[in-house]
Each structure stands twice: as structure tokens, then as C-alpha cells.
């Protein structure tokens, strides 16, 4: 997930700090479609029994990539690319909402103009570290000119074969680049 400008402001709300199910429920309109999801979804509640989570949302135009996202997938967050950019956060998807969550998007990312909503939500525990951009591109076999332009894209698992798959790459990020869970 390349975030880019101006979306970097949204990272602080849900990726680098925890959100809570009770807080979201308290702010949702009572008739919002998301109320039942946040109140009763068994996958969400099993993944976050204390009600605290990190999450990210993608815009409607990213629906095809979101629909391919599954629990257990790794999302690499790249706030910026280039010499100073790189992978700054990762999240292993623990839950995702299967429908559009417009009201929750307004609550989760209040600094984003409401015409730029991110209704497709997935949930995880954030790990932080730094893998510089050009090293990451070399890792996955992409040209140094590749520009993801703020897109949410799937990288084929075959690009991680030399580390034993995506899980092996995450282990590499943890051992060689210091990725670790944010404290609760």
C-alpha cells in the first residue's frame, strides 16, 4: 500500500495508534450498516478480544485488490517512495469487513475530506521498522522506476520465493530491518 501525499496524515489515526471498537460504535450513527459488524462480527472480536485494533481502508476504486485480500495476508505500508521512502509499517490481516463502511471511514480518518472516503476496511496489529524503498524494490524484483502512485496492489507471492514466501519475507523484515509490534 503506497500511501503518498496527502494520505500520510491518515496513518497516524489508525496505523500508528490503536482504535477501539467501543469508540467507533459510540460515534457511528445508530442506523449505520457498520454497527452490526463492529458489535458482533466473530472474526473481528476473536482477533481483537480487548477491542483494540489497527486498521486501514482503501477507496472504492481499489475494490478489486481489496476483494483479493484475505485474512493472513501481509500488507506493507509505504508512506513515501524514493531515496527517503520505504516500507515503514506492516500488518498481517486478522479481519476484514466484506461491505463498504462509509460512516466508519468518516470516524476513523477525520482529517480526510469526506469526499475521499476509504470504505473497504481491514484490521491488523501494526509492526514498525524501515526497509528502504530501493532495497525493497530489489527484494521483490521490481525496476527502480516502478511507481505505485498511491495504489493498493497485490504483489504476487512468487516475488517472495527466495525467502520462502511472504511469511519468510516478514521474518526477514523482522530480523534484518527491526520490524516489531507497536506497544498496545
N, C-alpha and C. Protein backbone atom coordinates (compact mmCIF):
# COMPACT_ATOMS: atom_id res chain seq x y z
N UNK A 1 0.86 -1.18 0.00
CA UNK A 1 0.00 0.00 0.00
C UNK A 1 0.89 1.22 0.00
N UNK A 2 0.98 1.89 -1.15
CA UNK A 2 1.67 3.17 -1.20
C UNK A 2 0.66 4.23 -0.80
N UNK A 3 0.99 4.98 0.22
CA UNK A 3 0.04 5.95 0.76
C UNK A 3 0.18 7.29 0.06
N UNK A 4 1.38 7.84 0.02
CA UNK A 4 1.60 9.10 -0.66
C UNK A 4 0.93 10.28 0.02
N UNK A 5 1.17 11.43 -0.54
CA UNK A 5 0.60 12.68 -0.03
C UNK A 5 -0.72 12.94 -0.73
N UNK A 6 -1.78 13.35 -0.08
CA UNK A 6 -1.90 13.80 1.29
C UNK A 6 -2.32 12.72 2.27
N UNK A 7 -2.40 11.47 1.83
CA UNK A 7 -2.90 10.39 2.67
C UNK A 7 -2.06 10.07 3.88
N UNK A 8 -0.80 10.54 3.92
CA UNK A 8 0.06 10.22 5.05
C UNK A 8 -0.53 10.67 6.38
N UNK A 9 -1.37 11.69 6.38
CA UNK A 9 -1.99 12.15 7.61
C UNK A 9 -2.86 11.04 8.22
N UNK A 10 -3.41 10.19 7.39
CA UNK A 10 -4.31 9.14 7.88
C UNK A 10 -3.59 8.03 8.63
N UNK A 11 -2.31 7.84 8.37
CA UNK A 11 -1.53 6.80 9.05
C UNK A 11 -1.59 6.98 10.56
N UNK A 12 -1.51 8.22 11.01
CA UNK A 12 -1.49 8.49 12.44
C UNK A 12 -2.78 8.11 13.15
N UNK A 13 -3.87 8.07 12.45
CA UNK A 13 -5.15 7.75 13.08
C UNK A 13 -5.35 6.26 13.32
N UNK A 14 -4.91 5.41 12.39
CA UNK A 14 -5.29 4.00 12.50
C UNK A 14 -4.15 3.01 12.33
N UNK A 15 -3.00 3.46 11.83
CA UNK A 15 -1.88 2.54 11.63
C UNK A 15 -0.88 2.66 12.77
N UNK A 16 -0.56 3.87 13.19
CA UNK A 16 0.43 4.03 14.26
C UNK A 16 -0.20 4.23 15.63
N UNK A 17 -1.51 4.28 15.70
CA UNK A 17 -2.18 4.26 17.01
C UNK A 17 -3.36 3.31 16.94
N UNK A 18 -3.74 2.77 18.09
CA UNK A 18 -4.83 1.81 18.17
C UNK A 18 -6.17 2.52 18.16
N UNK A 19 -7.16 1.85 17.63
CA UNK A 19 -8.55 2.30 17.67
C UNK A 19 -9.29 1.31 18.56
N UNK A 20 -10.49 1.67 18.95
CA UNK A 20 -11.25 0.74 19.79
C UNK A 20 -12.65 0.55 19.23
N UNK A 21 -13.10 -0.66 19.35
CA UNK A 21 -14.45 -1.00 18.91
C UNK A 21 -15.48 -0.14 19.65
N UNK A 22 -15.40 -0.02 20.99
CA UNK A 22 -16.39 0.83 21.68
C UNK A 22 -16.39 2.28 21.20
N UNK A 23 -15.20 2.84 20.93
CA UNK A 23 -15.15 4.23 20.45
C UNK A 23 -15.81 4.38 19.08
N UNK A 24 -15.54 3.44 18.19
CA UNK A 24 -16.17 3.50 16.86
C UNK A 24 -17.68 3.37 17.00
N UNK A 25 -18.13 2.42 17.79
CA UNK A 25 -19.58 2.23 17.99
C UNK A 25 -20.24 3.46 18.58
N UNK A 26 -19.56 4.13 19.49
CA UNK A 26 -20.13 5.32 20.13
C UNK A 26 -20.33 6.46 19.14
N UNK A 27 -19.51 6.49 18.09
CA UNK A 27 -19.58 7.59 17.12
C UNK A 27 -20.40 7.26 15.88
N UNK A 28 -20.67 6.00 15.64
CA UNK A 28 -21.44 5.62 14.46
C UNK A 28 -22.90 6.02 14.63
N UNK A 29 -23.54 6.49 13.58
CA UNK A 29 -24.99 6.71 13.65
C UNK A 29 -25.66 5.36 13.93
N UNK A 30 -26.70 5.34 14.76
CA UNK A 30 -27.33 4.07 15.14
C UNK A 30 -27.82 3.23 13.96
N UNK A 31 -28.16 3.88 12.85
CA UNK A 31 -28.68 3.15 11.70
C UNK A 31 -27.59 2.80 10.67
N UNK A 32 -26.32 3.07 11.00
CA UNK A 32 -25.23 2.79 10.06
C UNK A 32 -25.08 1.27 9.89
N UNK A 33 -24.83 0.90 8.68
CA UNK A 33 -24.66 -0.52 8.34
C UNK A 33 -23.54 -1.17 9.15
N UNK A 34 -22.51 -0.41 9.49
CA UNK A 34 -21.35 -0.93 10.18
C UNK A 34 -21.59 -1.29 11.64
N UNK A 35 -22.67 -0.80 12.24
CA UNK A 35 -22.92 -1.03 13.65
C UNK A 35 -22.92 -2.52 13.96
N UNK A 36 -23.67 -3.31 13.21
CA UNK A 36 -23.71 -4.75 13.47
C UNK A 36 -22.35 -5.40 13.31
N UNK A 37 -21.59 -4.96 12.30
CA UNK A 37 -20.26 -5.53 12.09
C UNK A 37 -19.39 -5.29 13.32
N UNK A 38 -19.27 -4.04 13.76
CA UNK A 38 -18.40 -3.73 14.89
C UNK A 38 -18.93 -4.32 16.20
N UNK A 39 -20.21 -4.47 16.31
CA UNK A 39 -20.79 -5.02 17.54
C UNK A 39 -20.65 -6.53 17.63
N UNK A 40 -20.80 -7.25 16.49
CA UNK A 40 -20.96 -8.71 16.61
C UNK A 40 -20.07 -9.57 15.71
N UNK A 41 -19.28 -8.99 14.82
CA UNK A 41 -18.54 -9.85 13.90
C UNK A 41 -17.60 -10.79 14.67
N UNK A 42 -17.78 -12.10 14.50
CA UNK A 42 -16.97 -13.05 15.28
C UNK A 42 -15.49 -13.02 14.93
N UNK A 43 -15.14 -12.80 13.68
CA UNK A 43 -13.72 -12.77 13.30
C UNK A 43 -13.04 -11.55 13.91
N UNK A 44 -13.68 -10.40 13.82
CA UNK A 44 -13.13 -9.17 14.40
C UNK A 44 -12.94 -9.32 15.91
N UNK A 45 -13.94 -9.82 16.60
CA UNK A 45 -13.86 -9.93 18.06
C UNK A 45 -12.89 -11.01 18.51
N UNK A 46 -12.77 -12.09 17.75
CA UNK A 46 -11.79 -13.13 18.10
C UNK A 46 -10.36 -12.62 17.88
N UNK A 47 -10.16 -11.84 16.83
CA UNK A 47 -8.83 -11.32 16.53
C UNK A 47 -8.40 -10.23 17.52
N UNK A 48 -9.36 -9.50 18.06
CA UNK A 48 -9.05 -8.38 18.95
C UNK A 48 -9.95 -8.46 20.19
N UNK A 49 -9.71 -9.46 21.06
CA UNK A 49 -10.60 -9.66 22.21
C UNK A 49 -10.65 -8.48 23.17
N UNK A 50 -9.59 -7.64 23.18
CA UNK A 50 -9.62 -6.47 24.03
C UNK A 50 -10.30 -5.28 23.36
N UNK A 51 -10.75 -5.46 22.11
CA UNK A 51 -11.45 -4.41 21.38
C UNK A 51 -10.54 -3.36 20.77
N UNK A 52 -9.22 -3.54 20.87
CA UNK A 52 -8.26 -2.57 20.34
C UNK A 52 -7.65 -3.11 19.06
N UNK A 53 -7.58 -2.30 18.01
CA UNK A 53 -7.09 -2.75 16.72
C UNK A 53 -6.38 -1.62 15.98
N UNK A 54 -5.62 -1.99 14.97
CA UNK A 54 -5.14 -1.07 13.94
C UNK A 54 -5.92 -1.42 12.69
N UNK A 55 -6.08 -0.47 11.80
CA UNK A 55 -6.80 -0.77 10.57
C UNK A 55 -6.37 0.17 9.46
N UNK A 56 -6.80 -0.18 8.28
CA UNK A 56 -6.60 0.66 7.11
C UNK A 56 -7.80 0.47 6.22
N UNK A 57 -8.06 1.46 5.40
CA UNK A 57 -9.15 1.38 4.45
C UNK A 57 -8.67 1.82 3.08
N UNK A 58 -9.28 1.27 2.08
CA UNK A 58 -8.92 1.64 0.71
C UNK A 58 -10.16 2.19 0.02
N UNK A 59 -9.94 3.05 -0.99
CA UNK A 59 -11.07 3.67 -1.69
C UNK A 59 -11.82 2.67 -2.57
N UNK A 60 -12.97 3.09 -2.99
CA UNK A 60 -13.84 2.24 -3.80
C UNK A 60 -13.15 1.72 -5.06
N UNK A 61 -12.32 2.54 -5.68
CA UNK A 61 -11.65 2.11 -6.91
C UNK A 61 -10.65 0.98 -6.66
N UNK A 62 -10.29 0.75 -5.40
CA UNK A 62 -9.37 -0.33 -5.05
C UNK A 62 -10.12 -1.62 -4.69
N UNK A 63 -11.42 -1.65 -4.93
CA UNK A 63 -12.23 -2.83 -4.57
C UNK A 63 -11.67 -4.13 -5.15
N UNK A 64 -11.24 -4.18 -6.41
CA UNK A 64 -10.72 -5.46 -6.93
C UNK A 64 -9.55 -6.00 -6.12
N UNK A 65 -8.60 -5.15 -5.74
CA UNK A 65 -7.47 -5.61 -4.93
C UNK A 65 -7.92 -5.96 -3.52
N UNK A 66 -8.86 -5.18 -2.97
CA UNK A 66 -9.37 -5.47 -1.64
C UNK A 66 -10.07 -6.82 -1.61
N UNK A 67 -10.85 -7.12 -2.63
CA UNK A 67 -11.56 -8.40 -2.67
C UNK A 67 -10.62 -9.59 -2.71
N UNK A 68 -9.40 -9.39 -3.21
CA UNK A 68 -8.38 -10.44 -3.21
C UNK A 68 -7.70 -10.59 -1.85
N UNK A 69 -7.83 -9.59 -1.00
CA UNK A 69 -7.19 -9.60 0.31
C UNK A 69 -7.89 -10.61 1.22
N UNK A 70 -7.07 -11.42 1.88
CA UNK A 70 -7.62 -12.45 2.77
C UNK A 70 -6.99 -12.32 4.16
N UNK A 71 -7.69 -12.85 5.15
CA UNK A 71 -7.11 -12.93 6.48
C UNK A 71 -5.82 -13.74 6.36
N UNK A 72 -4.75 -13.23 6.96
CA UNK A 72 -3.44 -13.86 6.88
C UNK A 72 -2.51 -13.19 5.88
N UNK A 73 -3.05 -12.39 4.97
CA UNK A 73 -2.21 -11.66 4.03
C UNK A 73 -1.40 -10.59 4.76
N UNK A 74 -0.25 -10.27 4.20
CA UNK A 74 0.61 -9.22 4.75
C UNK A 74 0.42 -7.97 3.91
N UNK A 75 0.19 -6.84 4.58
CA UNK A 75 0.11 -5.55 3.90
C UNK A 75 1.34 -4.75 4.31
N UNK A 76 2.07 -4.29 3.31
CA UNK A 76 3.26 -3.47 3.52
C UNK A 76 2.86 -2.02 3.29
N UNK A 77 3.08 -1.17 4.27
CA UNK A 77 2.70 0.24 4.16
C UNK A 77 3.91 1.08 3.79
N UNK A 78 3.78 1.81 2.70
CA UNK A 78 4.85 2.65 2.17
C UNK A 78 4.33 4.08 2.12
N UNK A 79 4.61 4.88 3.16
CA UNK A 79 4.14 6.25 3.15
C UNK A 79 4.72 7.09 2.02
N UNK A 80 5.98 6.82 1.65
CA UNK A 80 6.59 7.54 0.54
C UNK A 80 7.63 6.65 -0.13
N UNK A 81 7.91 6.99 -1.40
CA UNK A 81 8.88 6.22 -2.18
C UNK A 81 10.10 7.09 -2.45
N UNK A 82 11.11 6.51 -3.06
CA UNK A 82 12.31 7.27 -3.41
C UNK A 82 13.39 7.12 -2.36
N UNK A 83 14.37 7.99 -2.43
CA UNK A 83 15.55 7.90 -1.58
C UNK A 83 15.20 7.88 -0.10
N UNK A 84 14.21 8.68 0.32
CA UNK A 84 13.87 8.76 1.74
C UNK A 84 12.69 7.87 2.10
N UNK A 85 12.13 7.17 1.12
CA UNK A 85 10.94 6.37 1.37
C UNK A 85 11.24 4.92 1.68
N UNK A 86 10.17 4.17 1.84
CA UNK A 86 10.31 2.75 2.07
C UNK A 86 9.14 2.17 2.84
N UNK A 87 9.25 0.89 3.13
CA UNK A 87 8.25 0.20 3.94
C UNK A 87 8.47 0.63 5.38
N UNK A 88 7.45 1.24 6.00
CA UNK A 88 7.55 1.74 7.37
C UNK A 88 6.72 0.95 8.36
N UNK A 89 5.64 0.35 7.87
CA UNK A 89 4.77 -0.45 8.73
C UNK A 89 4.33 -1.69 7.95
N UNK A 90 4.03 -2.74 8.69
CA UNK A 90 3.42 -3.92 8.09
C UNK A 90 2.27 -4.36 8.99
N UNK A 91 1.32 -5.03 8.39
CA UNK A 91 0.21 -5.59 9.14
C UNK A 91 -0.23 -6.89 8.53
N UNK A 92 -0.37 -7.90 9.36
CA UNK A 92 -0.92 -9.18 8.92
C UNK A 92 -2.43 -9.08 9.13
N UNK A 93 -3.20 -9.19 8.07
CA UNK A 93 -4.65 -9.01 8.13
C UNK A 93 -5.26 -10.08 9.04
N UNK A 94 -6.01 -9.61 10.06
CA UNK A 94 -6.68 -10.51 11.00
C UNK A 94 -8.19 -10.55 10.78
N UNK A 95 -8.72 -9.49 10.17
CA UNK A 95 -10.16 -9.42 9.88
C UNK A 95 -10.35 -8.39 8.79
N UNK A 96 -11.46 -8.53 8.07
CA UNK A 96 -11.82 -7.51 7.09
C UNK A 96 -13.33 -7.48 6.98
N UNK A 97 -13.85 -6.30 6.71
CA UNK A 97 -15.28 -6.15 6.55
C UNK A 97 -15.61 -6.33 5.07
N UNK A 98 -16.59 -7.14 4.79
CA UNK A 98 -16.90 -7.51 3.40
C UNK A 98 -17.78 -6.50 2.67
N UNK A 99 -18.21 -5.45 3.35
CA UNK A 99 -19.04 -4.44 2.69
C UNK A 99 -18.46 -3.05 2.92
N UNK A 100 -18.96 -2.08 2.20
CA UNK A 100 -18.46 -0.71 2.28
C UNK A 100 -18.87 -0.04 3.60
N UNK A 101 -17.91 0.59 4.23
CA UNK A 101 -18.11 1.21 5.54
C UNK A 101 -17.87 2.72 5.47
N UNK A 102 -18.78 3.42 4.86
CA UNK A 102 -18.60 4.86 4.67
C UNK A 102 -18.65 5.63 5.99
N UNK A 103 -19.57 5.29 6.87
CA UNK A 103 -19.68 6.02 8.13
C UNK A 103 -18.46 5.77 9.01
N UNK A 104 -17.97 4.54 9.04
CA UNK A 104 -16.76 4.24 9.83
C UNK A 104 -15.55 4.96 9.25
N UNK A 105 -15.49 5.10 7.94
CA UNK A 105 -14.38 5.81 7.31
C UNK A 105 -14.33 7.25 7.79
N UNK A 106 -15.47 7.88 7.90
CA UNK A 106 -15.51 9.27 8.38
C UNK A 106 -15.00 9.37 9.82
N UNK A 107 -15.27 8.35 10.62
CA UNK A 107 -14.86 8.34 12.02
C UNK A 107 -13.37 8.02 12.16
N UNK A 108 -12.92 7.02 11.43
CA UNK A 108 -11.53 6.55 11.57
C UNK A 108 -10.52 7.55 11.03
N UNK A 109 -10.88 8.30 9.98
CA UNK A 109 -9.95 9.25 9.36
C UNK A 109 -10.60 10.63 9.29
N UNK A 110 -10.74 11.30 10.43
CA UNK A 110 -11.47 12.57 10.47
C UNK A 110 -10.78 13.72 9.75
N UNK A 111 -9.47 13.65 9.50
CA UNK A 111 -8.77 14.74 8.82
C UNK A 111 -8.86 14.64 7.31
N UNK A 112 -9.40 13.53 6.81
CA UNK A 112 -9.52 13.34 5.38
C UNK A 112 -10.82 13.99 4.91
N UNK A 113 -10.77 14.73 3.83
CA UNK A 113 -12.02 15.30 3.31
C UNK A 113 -13.04 14.18 3.05
N UNK A 114 -14.27 14.44 3.38
CA UNK A 114 -15.29 13.40 3.30
C UNK A 114 -15.64 12.99 1.88
N UNK A 115 -15.06 13.65 0.89
CA UNK A 115 -15.26 13.17 -0.48
C UNK A 115 -14.17 12.16 -0.85
N UNK A 116 -13.22 11.90 0.06
CA UNK A 116 -12.16 10.90 -0.15
C UNK A 116 -12.29 9.82 0.90
N UNK A 117 -13.35 9.05 0.85
CA UNK A 117 -13.59 8.03 1.86
C UNK A 117 -12.89 6.72 1.50
N UNK A 118 -12.62 5.93 2.52
CA UNK A 118 -11.94 4.64 2.37
C UNK A 118 -12.84 3.57 2.97
N UNK A 119 -13.83 3.11 2.21
CA UNK A 119 -14.88 2.26 2.78
C UNK A 119 -14.53 0.78 2.95
N UNK A 120 -13.44 0.32 2.33
CA UNK A 120 -13.09 -1.10 2.45
C UNK A 120 -12.04 -1.25 3.54
N UNK A 121 -12.45 -1.83 4.67
CA UNK A 121 -11.62 -1.87 5.88
C UNK A 121 -11.02 -3.24 6.12
N UNK A 122 -9.75 -3.24 6.56
CA UNK A 122 -9.15 -4.47 7.07
C UNK A 122 -8.40 -4.12 8.36
N UNK A 123 -8.22 -5.13 9.21
CA UNK A 123 -7.76 -4.93 10.58
C UNK A 123 -6.54 -5.79 10.87
N UNK A 124 -5.62 -5.27 11.71
CA UNK A 124 -4.35 -5.93 11.96
C UNK A 124 -3.71 -5.32 13.21
N UNK A 125 -2.58 -5.87 13.62
CA UNK A 125 -1.71 -5.27 14.62
C UNK A 125 -0.51 -4.72 13.86
N UNK A 126 -0.18 -3.47 14.05
CA UNK A 126 0.90 -2.82 13.30
C UNK A 126 2.27 -3.22 13.83
N UNK A 127 3.16 -3.49 12.89
CA UNK A 127 4.58 -3.65 13.17
C UNK A 127 5.29 -2.50 12.47
N UNK A 128 6.29 -1.93 13.14
CA UNK A 128 7.03 -0.80 12.58
C UNK A 128 8.50 -1.15 12.42
N UNK A 129 9.12 -0.51 11.45
CA UNK A 129 10.53 -0.69 11.14
C UNK A 129 10.83 0.16 9.93
N UNK A 130 11.88 -0.19 9.19
CA UNK A 130 12.17 0.55 7.96
C UNK A 130 12.94 -0.34 7.00
N UNK A 131 12.38 -0.53 5.81
CA UNK A 131 13.07 -1.16 4.69
C UNK A 131 13.07 -0.13 3.59
N UNK A 132 14.26 0.38 3.26
CA UNK A 132 14.33 1.47 2.30
C UNK A 132 13.78 1.05 0.94
N UNK A 133 13.26 2.04 0.22
CA UNK A 133 12.48 1.82 -0.99
C UNK A 133 13.23 1.04 -2.06
N UNK A 134 14.44 1.45 -2.38
CA UNK A 134 15.14 0.78 -3.47
C UNK A 134 15.58 -0.63 -3.09
N UNK A 135 15.86 -0.85 -1.81
CA UNK A 135 16.14 -2.21 -1.33
C UNK A 135 14.90 -3.08 -1.43
N UNK A 136 13.76 -2.52 -1.09
CA UNK A 136 12.50 -3.26 -1.21
C UNK A 136 12.24 -3.64 -2.67
N UNK A 137 12.41 -2.68 -3.58
CA UNK A 137 12.21 -2.97 -5.00
C UNK A 137 13.12 -4.10 -5.46
N UNK A 138 14.37 -4.07 -5.01
CA UNK A 138 15.29 -5.15 -5.36
C UNK A 138 14.81 -6.48 -4.76
N UNK A 139 14.31 -6.44 -3.53
CA UNK A 139 13.80 -7.64 -2.87
C UNK A 139 12.71 -8.31 -3.70
N UNK A 140 11.79 -7.51 -4.24
CA UNK A 140 10.64 -8.07 -4.96
C UNK A 140 10.85 -8.15 -6.46
N UNK A 141 12.01 -7.72 -6.93
CA UNK A 141 12.32 -7.84 -8.35
C UNK A 141 11.62 -6.81 -9.23
N UNK A 142 11.35 -5.64 -8.70
CA UNK A 142 10.74 -4.57 -9.48
C UNK A 142 11.81 -3.56 -9.91
N UNK A 143 11.60 -2.93 -11.04
CA UNK A 143 12.52 -1.91 -11.54
C UNK A 143 12.53 -0.70 -10.60
N UNK A 144 13.66 -0.02 -10.52
CA UNK A 144 13.77 1.15 -9.66
C UNK A 144 12.88 2.30 -10.12
N UNK A 145 12.34 2.20 -11.32
CA UNK A 145 11.44 3.24 -11.83
C UNK A 145 9.97 2.95 -11.51
N UNK A 146 9.68 1.82 -10.86
CA UNK A 146 8.29 1.47 -10.56
C UNK A 146 7.72 2.49 -9.58
N UNK A 147 6.54 2.99 -9.90
CA UNK A 147 5.87 3.98 -9.07
C UNK A 147 4.44 3.51 -8.80
N UNK A 148 4.14 3.10 -7.58
CA UNK A 148 2.80 2.58 -7.27
C UNK A 148 1.71 3.64 -7.19
N UNK A 149 2.03 4.91 -7.20
CA UNK A 149 1.09 6.03 -7.28
C UNK A 149 -0.11 5.97 -6.33
N UNK A 150 0.14 5.64 -5.08
CA UNK A 150 -0.94 5.63 -4.10
C UNK A 150 -1.88 4.46 -4.21
N UNK A 151 -1.50 3.43 -4.92
CA UNK A 151 -2.38 2.28 -5.14
C UNK A 151 -2.24 1.23 -4.05
N UNK A 152 -3.31 0.50 -3.89
CA UNK A 152 -3.32 -0.70 -3.06
C UNK A 152 -3.22 -1.86 -4.03
N UNK A 153 -2.07 -2.54 -4.06
CA UNK A 153 -1.81 -3.57 -5.07
C UNK A 153 -1.32 -4.84 -4.42
N UNK A 154 -1.65 -5.93 -5.05
CA UNK A 154 -1.14 -7.23 -4.63
C UNK A 154 0.19 -7.46 -5.33
N UNK A 155 1.17 -7.92 -4.56
CA UNK A 155 2.43 -8.37 -5.12
C UNK A 155 2.35 -9.89 -5.12
N UNK A 156 2.52 -10.49 -6.26
CA UNK A 156 2.42 -11.94 -6.37
C UNK A 156 3.37 -12.62 -5.39
N UNK A 157 2.90 -13.68 -4.76
CA UNK A 157 3.72 -14.37 -3.76
C UNK A 157 5.01 -14.91 -4.37
N UNK A 158 5.04 -15.15 -5.67
CA UNK A 158 6.26 -15.65 -6.31
C UNK A 158 7.41 -14.65 -6.20
N UNK A 159 7.10 -13.38 -5.97
CA UNK A 159 8.15 -12.37 -5.79
C UNK A 159 8.87 -12.53 -4.45
N UNK A 160 8.33 -13.39 -3.58
CA UNK A 160 8.93 -13.62 -2.27
C UNK A 160 9.50 -15.04 -2.15
N UNK A 161 9.59 -15.75 -3.28
CA UNK A 161 10.04 -17.15 -3.25
C UNK A 161 11.42 -17.31 -2.62
N UNK A 162 12.33 -16.38 -2.84
CA UNK A 162 13.69 -16.56 -2.30
C UNK A 162 13.73 -16.49 -0.78
N UNK A 163 12.64 -16.05 -0.15
CA UNK A 163 12.56 -16.04 1.32
C UNK A 163 11.56 -17.08 1.82
N UNK A 164 11.13 -17.97 0.94
CA UNK A 164 10.17 -19.00 1.35
C UNK A 164 8.74 -18.51 1.36
N UNK A 165 8.44 -17.45 0.63
CA UNK A 165 7.09 -16.90 0.55
C UNK A 165 6.95 -15.62 1.35
N UNK A 166 5.75 -15.03 1.33
CA UNK A 166 5.52 -13.78 2.07
C UNK A 166 5.84 -13.89 3.56
N UNK A 167 5.52 -15.04 4.17
CA UNK A 167 5.79 -15.20 5.60
C UNK A 167 7.29 -15.13 5.87
N UNK A 168 8.08 -15.74 4.99
CA UNK A 168 9.53 -15.67 5.13
C UNK A 168 10.06 -14.26 4.95
N UNK A 169 9.43 -13.51 4.06
CA UNK A 169 9.85 -12.11 3.87
C UNK A 169 9.55 -11.29 5.13
N UNK A 170 8.41 -11.55 5.75
CA UNK A 170 8.08 -10.85 7.00
C UNK A 170 9.12 -11.19 8.07
N UNK A 171 9.52 -12.44 8.15
CA UNK A 171 10.57 -12.82 9.11
C UNK A 171 11.86 -12.06 8.82
N UNK A 172 12.18 -11.90 7.55
CA UNK A 172 13.37 -11.13 7.15
C UNK A 172 13.23 -9.67 7.59
N UNK A 173 12.05 -9.07 7.37
CA UNK A 173 11.84 -7.68 7.80
C UNK A 173 12.03 -7.56 9.31
N UNK A 174 11.57 -8.56 10.04
CA UNK A 174 11.71 -8.51 11.49
C UNK A 174 13.17 -8.68 11.92
N UNK A 175 13.85 -9.65 11.34
CA UNK A 175 15.22 -9.95 11.80
C UNK A 175 16.26 -8.98 11.26
N UNK A 176 16.13 -8.53 10.02
CA UNK A 176 17.15 -7.68 9.42
C UNK A 176 16.84 -6.19 9.45
N UNK A 177 15.56 -5.83 9.58
CA UNK A 177 15.19 -4.42 9.50
C UNK A 177 14.43 -3.93 10.72
N UNK A 178 14.41 -4.75 11.76
CA UNK A 178 13.89 -4.32 13.05
C UNK A 178 12.39 -4.17 13.18
N UNK A 179 11.62 -4.75 12.28
CA UNK A 179 10.17 -4.63 12.41
C UNK A 179 9.71 -5.33 13.69
N UNK A 180 8.85 -4.64 14.44
CA UNK A 180 8.35 -5.16 15.70
C UNK A 180 6.96 -4.57 15.96
N UNK A 181 6.20 -5.26 16.78
CA UNK A 181 4.85 -4.80 17.10
C UNK A 181 4.91 -3.48 17.86
N UNK A 182 3.97 -2.60 17.50
CA UNK A 182 3.80 -1.39 18.30
C UNK A 182 3.28 -1.80 19.67
N UNK A 183 3.71 -1.15 20.72
CA UNK A 183 3.14 -1.48 22.02
C UNK A 183 1.66 -1.11 22.08
N UNK A 184 0.90 -1.85 22.86
CA UNK A 184 -0.55 -1.56 22.97
C UNK A 184 -0.85 -0.18 23.50
